[in-house]
Amino acid sequence: MKINSIEDLNSLKENQISESKEIDYKELLALTSPTDKTNFIQNLTSFSNAIGGNLIYGIKAKDGIPTEITGIETNNNDSLKLQLDNIIQDLTSPRVSNYNFKFIPISEARQVLVIEIQKSWNSPHAVKINKGFVFYSRNSAGKFPLDIFEIRNLFLESSAQIENAKSFRIKRITE
């Protein structure tokens, strides 16, 4: 689902589009504590390890249904992007790189931040927590930690995707 404008945000609210495997609403973007940063990364990697989707900051939701477009205050979009990029680089392994930031102004002082995350070809992506790693994915209820079998399946799926792409390339070249 592409979210590019205030009209798209209003449509989410008016049509009561619920949080799902592909969309997550957050009222605030807090990045001050290590817990805040870890929570942000858990959400981001869960989309990347699943089917992708939109992580939206600045929408208040009740029971997963958007109730108000509140926006977040940002003094400098470029500075916030850099901060988020640095958090992603520092706290993911392998680094998630398949995302895009969109700032949608809702007033002079407030914006909604939409992070559009694509499914990764290089999954699974782990969240670095203390000296360990935790893997997350998503289902219709939100993010969840992966067990060892789910992690193994993601590694096998990623390997198969790479081999399929190589085979396709070779086939096209020979044709």
N, C-alpha and C. Protein backbone atom coordinates (compact mmCIF):
# COMPACT_ATOMS: atom_id res chain seq x y z
N MET A 1 0.84 -1.18 0.00
CA MET A 1 0.00 0.00 0.00
C MET A 1 0.89 1.24 0.00
N LYS A 2 0.69 2.09 -0.96
CA LYS A 2 1.45 3.33 -1.06
C LYS A 2 0.74 4.42 -0.27
N ILE A 3 1.50 5.10 0.57
CA ILE A 3 0.97 6.21 1.36
C ILE A 3 1.86 7.41 1.06
N ASN A 4 1.31 8.36 0.29
CA ASN A 4 2.11 9.48 -0.18
C ASN A 4 1.57 10.85 0.19
N SER A 5 0.35 10.92 0.70
CA SER A 5 -0.27 12.23 0.90
C SER A 5 -1.17 12.24 2.13
N ILE A 6 -1.59 13.44 2.51
CA ILE A 6 -2.54 13.59 3.61
C ILE A 6 -3.86 12.91 3.26
N GLU A 7 -4.22 12.90 1.98
CA GLU A 7 -5.44 12.22 1.55
C GLU A 7 -5.35 10.72 1.82
N ASP A 8 -4.18 10.14 1.58
CA ASP A 8 -3.98 8.72 1.86
C ASP A 8 -4.11 8.44 3.35
N LEU A 9 -3.55 9.33 4.18
CA LEU A 9 -3.65 9.17 5.63
C LEU A 9 -5.10 9.29 6.09
N ASN A 10 -5.81 10.28 5.55
CA ASN A 10 -7.22 10.44 5.91
C ASN A 10 -8.04 9.23 5.49
N SER A 11 -7.71 8.64 4.36
CA SER A 11 -8.40 7.45 3.89
C SER A 11 -8.21 6.28 4.86
N LEU A 12 -7.00 6.13 5.39
CA LEU A 12 -6.75 5.08 6.38
C LEU A 12 -7.66 5.25 7.59
N LYS A 13 -7.78 6.50 8.04
CA LYS A 13 -8.62 6.80 9.21
C LYS A 13 -10.10 6.63 8.89
N GLU A 14 -10.56 7.24 7.80
CA GLU A 14 -11.98 7.20 7.44
C GLU A 14 -12.47 5.79 7.14
N ASN A 15 -11.63 5.00 6.51
CA ASN A 15 -12.00 3.62 6.17
C ASN A 15 -11.66 2.63 7.28
N GLN A 16 -11.15 3.15 8.38
CA GLN A 16 -10.79 2.35 9.55
C GLN A 16 -9.92 1.14 9.16
N ILE A 17 -8.85 1.45 8.41
CA ILE A 17 -7.91 0.40 7.99
C ILE A 17 -7.10 -0.02 9.22
N SER A 18 -7.29 -1.24 9.61
CA SER A 18 -6.70 -1.78 10.83
C SER A 18 -5.22 -2.12 10.64
N GLU A 19 -4.48 -2.10 11.74
CA GLU A 19 -3.11 -2.60 11.72
C GLU A 19 -3.16 -4.06 11.24
N SER A 20 -2.12 -4.44 10.54
CA SER A 20 -2.10 -5.78 9.94
C SER A 20 -0.65 -6.22 9.77
N LYS A 21 -0.49 -7.25 8.99
CA LYS A 21 0.85 -7.73 8.67
C LYS A 21 1.64 -6.69 7.88
N GLU A 22 0.92 -5.78 7.19
CA GLU A 22 1.57 -4.82 6.31
C GLU A 22 1.50 -3.37 6.78
N ILE A 23 0.89 -3.11 7.93
CA ILE A 23 0.78 -1.72 8.39
C ILE A 23 0.78 -1.68 9.91
N ASP A 24 1.52 -0.71 10.46
CA ASP A 24 1.60 -0.53 11.91
C ASP A 24 1.58 0.96 12.22
N TYR A 25 0.68 1.37 13.12
CA TYR A 25 0.55 2.78 13.51
C TYR A 25 1.25 3.01 14.84
N LYS A 26 1.98 4.12 14.91
CA LYS A 26 2.63 4.54 16.14
C LYS A 26 2.33 6.02 16.34
N GLU A 27 1.91 6.39 17.53
CA GLU A 27 1.61 7.79 17.78
C GLU A 27 2.88 8.62 17.90
N LEU A 28 3.88 8.06 18.59
CA LEU A 28 5.11 8.81 18.88
C LEU A 28 6.32 8.09 18.31
N LEU A 29 7.36 8.87 18.05
CA LEU A 29 8.66 8.32 17.66
C LEU A 29 9.64 8.73 18.74
N ALA A 30 9.90 7.81 19.66
CA ALA A 30 10.85 8.07 20.74
C ALA A 30 12.14 7.33 20.44
N LEU A 31 13.25 8.06 20.53
CA LEU A 31 14.57 7.47 20.23
C LEU A 31 15.60 7.83 21.28
N THR A 32 15.16 8.19 22.47
CA THR A 32 16.10 8.68 23.48
C THR A 32 16.80 7.58 24.25
N SER A 33 16.12 6.48 24.54
CA SER A 33 16.73 5.43 25.35
C SER A 33 17.11 4.24 24.47
N PRO A 34 17.99 3.37 24.97
CA PRO A 34 18.31 2.15 24.23
C PRO A 34 17.07 1.28 23.98
N THR A 35 16.12 1.26 24.92
CA THR A 35 14.89 0.50 24.75
C THR A 35 14.06 1.06 23.60
N ASP A 36 13.99 2.40 23.49
CA ASP A 36 13.27 3.04 22.38
C ASP A 36 13.87 2.63 21.05
N LYS A 37 15.19 2.67 20.96
CA LYS A 37 15.88 2.34 19.71
C LYS A 37 15.68 0.87 19.36
N THR A 38 15.75 0.00 20.36
CA THR A 38 15.55 -1.42 20.12
C THR A 38 14.13 -1.70 19.64
N ASN A 39 13.15 -1.03 20.24
CA ASN A 39 11.76 -1.21 19.83
C ASN A 39 11.55 -0.77 18.38
N PHE A 40 12.16 0.36 18.01
CA PHE A 40 12.10 0.83 16.62
C PHE A 40 12.66 -0.22 15.67
N ILE A 41 13.82 -0.77 16.00
CA ILE A 41 14.48 -1.76 15.14
C ILE A 41 13.69 -3.06 15.08
N GLN A 42 13.08 -3.46 16.20
CA GLN A 42 12.25 -4.67 16.18
C GLN A 42 11.12 -4.53 15.17
N ASN A 43 10.47 -3.36 15.18
CA ASN A 43 9.38 -3.12 14.24
C ASN A 43 9.89 -3.12 12.80
N LEU A 44 10.99 -2.44 12.54
CA LEU A 44 11.54 -2.34 11.19
C LEU A 44 11.94 -3.72 10.65
N THR A 45 12.69 -4.48 11.43
CA THR A 45 13.15 -5.79 10.94
C THR A 45 12.00 -6.78 10.80
N SER A 46 10.95 -6.61 11.61
CA SER A 46 9.81 -7.54 11.49
C SER A 46 9.16 -7.39 10.11
N PHE A 47 9.07 -6.16 9.59
CA PHE A 47 8.54 -5.96 8.24
C PHE A 47 9.49 -6.53 7.20
N SER A 48 10.77 -6.26 7.35
CA SER A 48 11.77 -6.70 6.37
C SER A 48 11.84 -8.22 6.30
N ASN A 49 11.68 -8.89 7.44
CA ASN A 49 11.74 -10.35 7.49
C ASN A 49 10.43 -11.01 7.05
N ALA A 50 9.35 -10.24 7.00
CA ALA A 50 8.05 -10.78 6.58
C ALA A 50 7.81 -10.40 5.12
N ILE A 51 6.71 -9.69 4.85
CA ILE A 51 6.37 -9.35 3.46
C ILE A 51 6.53 -7.87 3.16
N GLY A 52 7.10 -7.12 4.10
CA GLY A 52 7.23 -5.68 3.91
C GLY A 52 5.98 -4.97 4.38
N GLY A 53 6.02 -3.63 4.32
CA GLY A 53 4.85 -2.86 4.74
C GLY A 53 5.22 -1.45 5.14
N ASN A 54 4.29 -0.81 5.84
CA ASN A 54 4.45 0.59 6.24
C ASN A 54 4.42 0.72 7.76
N LEU A 55 5.45 1.35 8.29
CA LEU A 55 5.53 1.70 9.70
C LEU A 55 5.25 3.20 9.75
N ILE A 56 4.14 3.58 10.39
CA ILE A 56 3.67 4.97 10.32
C ILE A 56 3.71 5.61 11.70
N TYR A 57 4.50 6.69 11.82
CA TYR A 57 4.61 7.44 13.07
C TYR A 57 3.82 8.73 12.95
N GLY A 58 2.94 8.95 13.95
CA GLY A 58 2.14 10.16 13.98
C GLY A 58 0.66 9.89 13.81
N ILE A 59 0.26 8.65 14.04
CA ILE A 59 -1.15 8.28 13.99
C ILE A 59 -1.51 7.57 15.29
N LYS A 60 -2.49 8.12 15.97
CA LYS A 60 -3.00 7.50 17.19
C LYS A 60 -3.99 6.42 16.79
N ALA A 61 -3.89 5.26 17.43
CA ALA A 61 -4.78 4.15 17.11
C ALA A 61 -5.34 3.55 18.40
N LYS A 62 -6.56 3.05 18.31
CA LYS A 62 -7.18 2.34 19.41
C LYS A 62 -7.58 0.97 18.89
N ASP A 63 -7.06 -0.07 19.55
CA ASP A 63 -7.30 -1.45 19.13
C ASP A 63 -6.89 -1.66 17.67
N GLY A 64 -5.83 -0.99 17.24
CA GLY A 64 -5.29 -1.15 15.90
C GLY A 64 -6.00 -0.35 14.82
N ILE A 65 -7.02 0.42 15.19
CA ILE A 65 -7.77 1.24 14.23
C ILE A 65 -7.33 2.70 14.41
N PRO A 66 -6.94 3.38 13.32
CA PRO A 66 -6.51 4.77 13.46
C PRO A 66 -7.67 5.67 13.90
N THR A 67 -7.40 6.50 14.93
CA THR A 67 -8.44 7.39 15.45
C THR A 67 -8.11 8.85 15.24
N GLU A 68 -6.81 9.17 15.13
CA GLU A 68 -6.43 10.57 14.99
C GLU A 68 -5.07 10.67 14.32
N ILE A 69 -4.95 11.62 13.41
CA ILE A 69 -3.67 11.90 12.76
C ILE A 69 -3.03 13.03 13.56
N THR A 70 -2.07 12.68 14.42
CA THR A 70 -1.46 13.65 15.33
C THR A 70 -0.17 14.23 14.78
N GLY A 71 0.54 13.45 14.01
CA GLY A 71 1.85 13.88 13.51
C GLY A 71 2.89 13.83 14.61
N ILE A 72 4.11 14.02 14.21
CA ILE A 72 5.24 14.12 15.14
C ILE A 72 5.97 15.42 14.83
N GLU A 73 6.62 15.97 15.83
CA GLU A 73 7.41 17.19 15.62
C GLU A 73 8.81 16.80 15.16
N THR A 74 9.24 17.42 14.08
CA THR A 74 10.61 17.23 13.61
C THR A 74 11.18 18.60 13.28
N ASN A 75 12.34 18.86 13.82
CA ASN A 75 13.00 20.13 13.54
C ASN A 75 13.73 20.10 12.20
N ASN A 76 14.24 18.91 11.87
CA ASN A 76 15.06 18.78 10.67
C ASN A 76 14.90 17.37 10.13
N ASN A 77 14.22 17.21 9.01
CA ASN A 77 13.97 15.88 8.44
C ASN A 77 15.27 15.15 8.09
N ASP A 78 16.23 15.87 7.53
CA ASP A 78 17.50 15.24 7.16
C ASP A 78 18.24 14.71 8.39
N SER A 79 18.21 15.47 9.46
CA SER A 79 18.85 15.05 10.69
C SER A 79 18.17 13.80 11.27
N LEU A 80 16.83 13.77 11.22
CA LEU A 80 16.10 12.61 11.72
C LEU A 80 16.39 11.38 10.85
N LYS A 81 16.42 11.56 9.53
CA LYS A 81 16.76 10.45 8.63
C LYS A 81 18.14 9.90 8.96
N LEU A 82 19.11 10.79 9.16
CA LEU A 82 20.47 10.36 9.49
C LEU A 82 20.49 9.60 10.81
N GLN A 83 19.77 10.10 11.81
CA GLN A 83 19.71 9.43 13.10
C GLN A 83 19.11 8.02 12.95
N LEU A 84 18.01 7.92 12.20
CA LEU A 84 17.38 6.61 12.00
C LEU A 84 18.29 5.67 11.21
N ASP A 85 18.95 6.19 10.17
CA ASP A 85 19.90 5.38 9.40
C ASP A 85 21.02 4.84 10.30
N ASN A 86 21.53 5.68 11.19
CA ASN A 86 22.59 5.25 12.10
C ASN A 86 22.10 4.18 13.07
N ILE A 87 20.89 4.33 13.57
CA ILE A 87 20.33 3.32 14.48
C ILE A 87 20.18 1.99 13.73
N ILE A 88 19.67 2.06 12.51
CA ILE A 88 19.49 0.86 11.70
C ILE A 88 20.84 0.19 11.44
N GLN A 89 21.83 0.98 11.09
CA GLN A 89 23.16 0.43 10.82
C GLN A 89 23.77 -0.20 12.07
N ASP A 90 23.59 0.44 13.21
CA ASP A 90 24.21 -0.04 14.45
C ASP A 90 23.52 -1.25 15.06
N LEU A 91 22.20 -1.37 14.84
CA LEU A 91 21.45 -2.38 15.60
C LEU A 91 20.87 -3.51 14.77
N THR A 92 21.22 -3.60 13.47
CA THR A 92 20.74 -4.72 12.67
C THR A 92 21.92 -5.49 12.08
N SER A 93 21.68 -6.78 11.89
CA SER A 93 22.70 -7.62 11.27
C SER A 93 22.00 -8.75 10.51
N PRO A 94 22.22 -8.90 9.21
CA PRO A 94 22.85 -7.91 8.35
C PRO A 94 22.00 -6.65 8.28
N ARG A 95 22.64 -5.57 7.88
CA ARG A 95 21.98 -4.27 7.88
C ARG A 95 20.78 -4.27 6.94
N VAL A 96 19.66 -3.74 7.43
CA VAL A 96 18.47 -3.57 6.59
C VAL A 96 18.72 -2.37 5.68
N SER A 97 18.47 -2.54 4.39
CA SER A 97 18.72 -1.43 3.47
C SER A 97 17.54 -1.15 2.54
N ASN A 98 16.48 -1.88 2.69
CA ASN A 98 15.36 -1.79 1.75
C ASN A 98 14.18 -1.01 2.35
N TYR A 99 14.41 0.27 2.64
CA TYR A 99 13.38 1.10 3.24
C TYR A 99 13.45 2.51 2.66
N ASN A 100 12.37 3.25 2.85
CA ASN A 100 12.29 4.61 2.35
C ASN A 100 11.52 5.46 3.36
N PHE A 101 12.02 6.64 3.65
CA PHE A 101 11.35 7.57 4.56
C PHE A 101 10.52 8.57 3.77
N LYS A 102 9.28 8.77 4.20
CA LYS A 102 8.41 9.80 3.61
C LYS A 102 7.87 10.66 4.74
N PHE A 103 8.01 11.96 4.59
CA PHE A 103 7.46 12.90 5.56
C PHE A 103 6.25 13.57 4.92
N ILE A 104 5.09 13.43 5.56
CA ILE A 104 3.86 14.02 5.04
C ILE A 104 3.42 15.10 6.01
N PRO A 105 3.51 16.38 5.59
CA PRO A 105 3.13 17.47 6.49
C PRO A 105 1.62 17.48 6.75
N ILE A 106 1.27 17.67 8.04
CA ILE A 106 -0.15 17.79 8.38
C ILE A 106 -0.47 19.16 8.98
N SER A 107 0.57 19.87 9.39
CA SER A 107 0.44 21.26 9.83
C SER A 107 1.81 21.90 9.66
N GLU A 108 1.92 23.14 10.06
CA GLU A 108 3.21 23.83 9.91
C GLU A 108 4.30 23.21 10.78
N ALA A 109 3.91 22.66 11.94
CA ALA A 109 4.90 22.14 12.88
C ALA A 109 4.94 20.62 12.96
N ARG A 110 3.99 19.94 12.36
CA ARG A 110 3.89 18.49 12.55
C ARG A 110 3.80 17.75 11.22
N GLN A 111 4.37 16.53 11.23
CA GLN A 111 4.39 15.67 10.05
C GLN A 111 4.13 14.23 10.46
N VAL A 112 3.67 13.45 9.52
CA VAL A 112 3.58 12.01 9.72
C VAL A 112 4.79 11.41 8.99
N LEU A 113 5.47 10.51 9.67
CA LEU A 113 6.61 9.80 9.08
C LEU A 113 6.14 8.42 8.66
N VAL A 114 6.22 8.15 7.38
CA VAL A 114 5.90 6.82 6.84
C VAL A 114 7.22 6.18 6.43
N ILE A 115 7.49 5.03 7.03
CA ILE A 115 8.67 4.26 6.63
C ILE A 115 8.15 3.08 5.83
N GLU A 116 8.44 3.12 4.53
CA GLU A 116 8.02 2.06 3.62
C GLU A 116 9.15 1.04 3.57
N ILE A 117 8.85 -0.18 4.00
CA ILE A 117 9.88 -1.22 4.11
C ILE A 117 9.53 -2.36 3.15
N GLN A 118 10.50 -2.73 2.34
CA GLN A 118 10.32 -3.83 1.39
C GLN A 118 10.76 -5.15 2.02
N LYS A 119 10.19 -6.25 1.57
CA LYS A 119 10.67 -7.56 1.99
C LYS A 119 12.12 -7.69 1.53
N SER A 120 12.95 -8.19 2.40
CA SER A 120 14.37 -8.29 2.10
C SER A 120 14.71 -9.57 1.35
N TRP A 121 15.66 -9.43 0.42
CA TRP A 121 16.24 -10.59 -0.25
C TRP A 121 17.39 -11.15 0.57
N ASN A 122 17.79 -10.43 1.59
CA ASN A 122 18.95 -10.80 2.40
C ASN A 122 18.52 -11.13 3.83
N SER A 123 17.33 -11.67 3.99
CA SER A 123 16.84 -11.97 5.33
C SER A 123 17.39 -13.32 5.78
N PRO A 124 17.30 -13.59 7.07
CA PRO A 124 16.66 -12.78 8.10
C PRO A 124 17.61 -11.73 8.67
N HIS A 125 17.01 -10.64 9.11
CA HIS A 125 17.75 -9.57 9.77
C HIS A 125 17.53 -9.68 11.27
N ALA A 126 18.63 -9.60 12.00
CA ALA A 126 18.57 -9.72 13.46
C ALA A 126 18.67 -8.35 14.10
N VAL A 127 18.11 -8.26 15.29
CA VAL A 127 18.24 -7.07 16.13
C VAL A 127 19.34 -7.37 17.14
N LYS A 128 20.33 -6.48 17.21
CA LYS A 128 21.41 -6.64 18.18
C LYS A 128 20.90 -6.15 19.53
N ILE A 129 20.83 -7.05 20.48
CA ILE A 129 20.39 -6.71 21.84
C ILE A 129 21.47 -7.18 22.80
N ASN A 130 22.07 -6.21 23.49
CA ASN A 130 23.21 -6.49 24.36
C ASN A 130 24.28 -7.21 23.55
N LYS A 131 24.61 -8.44 23.91
CA LYS A 131 25.64 -9.17 23.17
C LYS A 131 25.04 -10.30 22.34
N GLY A 132 23.71 -10.27 22.15
CA GLY A 132 23.04 -11.32 21.40
C GLY A 132 22.23 -10.76 20.25
N PHE A 133 21.53 -11.65 19.58
CA PHE A 133 20.72 -11.31 18.43
C PHE A 133 19.33 -11.93 18.60
N VAL A 134 18.31 -11.17 18.22
CA VAL A 134 16.94 -11.67 18.23
C VAL A 134 16.34 -11.35 16.86
N PHE A 135 15.60 -12.30 16.30
CA PHE A 135 14.97 -12.15 15.00
C PHE A 135 13.47 -11.95 15.18
N TYR A 136 12.89 -11.04 14.40
CA TYR A 136 11.46 -10.76 14.47
C TYR A 136 10.83 -10.87 13.10
N SER A 137 9.54 -11.20 13.11
CA SER A 137 8.74 -11.17 11.90
C SER A 137 7.38 -10.62 12.27
N ARG A 138 6.43 -10.64 11.33
CA ARG A 138 5.10 -10.09 11.56
C ARG A 138 4.03 -11.07 11.12
N ASN A 139 2.90 -10.96 11.79
CA ASN A 139 1.68 -11.60 11.33
C ASN A 139 0.56 -10.58 11.50
N SER A 140 -0.68 -10.98 11.38
CA SER A 140 -1.78 -10.01 11.45
C SER A 140 -1.89 -9.36 12.83
N ALA A 141 -1.32 -9.97 13.85
CA ALA A 141 -1.38 -9.40 15.20
C ALA A 141 -0.20 -8.48 15.51
N GLY A 142 0.79 -8.38 14.61
CA GLY A 142 1.95 -7.51 14.84
C GLY A 142 3.24 -8.29 14.85
N LYS A 143 4.27 -7.70 15.47
CA LYS A 143 5.59 -8.33 15.47
C LYS A 143 5.66 -9.44 16.52
N PHE A 144 6.54 -10.41 16.25
CA PHE A 144 6.77 -11.49 17.19
C PHE A 144 8.19 -12.02 16.99
N PRO A 145 8.82 -12.53 18.08
CA PRO A 145 10.16 -13.11 17.93
C PRO A 145 10.07 -14.46 17.23
N LEU A 146 11.04 -14.73 16.38
CA LEU A 146 11.07 -15.99 15.65
C LEU A 146 11.70 -17.09 16.50
N ASP A 147 11.20 -18.32 16.33
CA ASP A 147 11.86 -19.45 16.99
C ASP A 147 12.92 -20.01 16.03
N ILE A 148 13.65 -20.97 16.47
CA ILE A 148 14.79 -21.49 15.71
C ILE A 148 14.36 -22.08 14.36
N PHE A 149 13.20 -22.72 14.31
CA PHE A 149 12.73 -23.31 13.06
C PHE A 149 12.34 -22.23 12.05
N GLU A 150 11.71 -21.16 12.53
CA GLU A 150 11.34 -20.06 11.64
C GLU A 150 12.58 -19.34 11.11
N ILE A 151 13.59 -19.20 11.96
CA ILE A 151 14.85 -18.58 11.53
C ILE A 151 15.51 -19.45 10.46
N ARG A 152 15.56 -20.74 10.70
CA ARG A 152 16.15 -21.67 9.72
C ARG A 152 15.42 -21.57 8.38
N ASN A 153 14.09 -21.53 8.42
CA ASN A 153 13.32 -21.43 7.18
C ASN A 153 13.60 -20.13 6.43
N LEU A 154 13.78 -19.03 7.15
CA LEU A 154 14.11 -17.77 6.48
C LEU A 154 15.48 -17.83 5.81
N PHE A 155 16.46 -18.46 6.47
CA PHE A 155 17.77 -18.62 5.84
C PHE A 155 17.66 -19.48 4.57
N LEU A 156 16.91 -20.55 4.64
CA LEU A 156 16.74 -21.42 3.47
C LEU A 156 16.00 -20.70 2.35
N GLU A 157 14.96 -19.94 2.70
CA GLU A 157 14.20 -19.18 1.71
C GLU A 157 15.07 -18.13 1.03
N SER A 158 15.89 -17.44 1.81
CA SER A 158 16.78 -16.41 1.27
C SER A 158 17.79 -17.03 0.31
N SER A 159 18.34 -18.16 0.69
CA SER A 159 19.30 -18.85 -0.17
C SER A 159 18.65 -19.30 -1.47
N ALA A 160 17.43 -19.81 -1.39
CA ALA A 160 16.71 -20.26 -2.58
C ALA A 160 16.40 -19.08 -3.50
N GLN A 161 16.05 -17.92 -2.95
CA GLN A 161 15.77 -16.74 -3.77
C GLN A 161 17.00 -16.30 -4.54
N ILE A 162 18.13 -16.33 -3.91
CA ILE A 162 19.38 -15.93 -4.57
C ILE A 162 19.69 -16.90 -5.71
N GLU A 163 19.55 -18.20 -5.46
CA GLU A 163 19.80 -19.21 -6.50
C GLU A 163 18.82 -19.06 -7.65
N ASN A 164 17.55 -18.80 -7.34
CA ASN A 164 16.55 -18.60 -8.40
C ASN A 164 16.89 -17.39 -9.26
N ALA A 165 17.35 -16.31 -8.62
CA ALA A 165 17.72 -15.11 -9.37
C ALA A 165 18.92 -15.38 -10.28
N LYS A 166 19.90 -16.12 -9.77
CA LYS A 166 21.07 -16.47 -10.59
C LYS A 166 20.66 -17.33 -11.78
N SER A 167 19.80 -18.32 -11.54
CA SER A 167 19.34 -19.20 -12.62
C SER A 167 18.56 -18.42 -13.66
N PHE A 168 17.71 -17.52 -13.22
CA PHE A 168 16.93 -16.69 -14.14
C PHE A 168 17.85 -15.84 -15.01
N ARG A 169 18.86 -15.24 -14.38
CA ARG A 169 19.81 -14.40 -15.11
C ARG A 169 20.56 -15.20 -16.17
N ILE A 170 21.04 -16.36 -15.78
CA ILE A 170 21.77 -17.22 -16.72
C ILE A 170 20.86 -17.64 -17.88
N LYS A 171 19.63 -18.00 -17.56
CA LYS A 171 18.66 -18.40 -18.60
C LYS A 171 18.41 -17.26 -19.56
N ARG A 172 18.23 -16.04 -19.05
CA ARG A 172 17.96 -14.89 -19.92
C ARG A 172 19.17 -14.55 -20.79
N ILE A 173 20.36 -14.67 -20.24
CA ILE A 173 21.58 -14.38 -21.01
C ILE A 173 21.73 -15.38 -22.14
N THR A 174 21.49 -16.64 -21.87
CA THR A 174 21.64 -17.67 -22.91
C THR A 174 20.57 -17.55 -23.98
N GLU A 175 19.41 -17.04 -23.62
CA GLU A 175 18.35 -16.84 -24.62
C GLU A 175 18.68 -15.67 -25.51
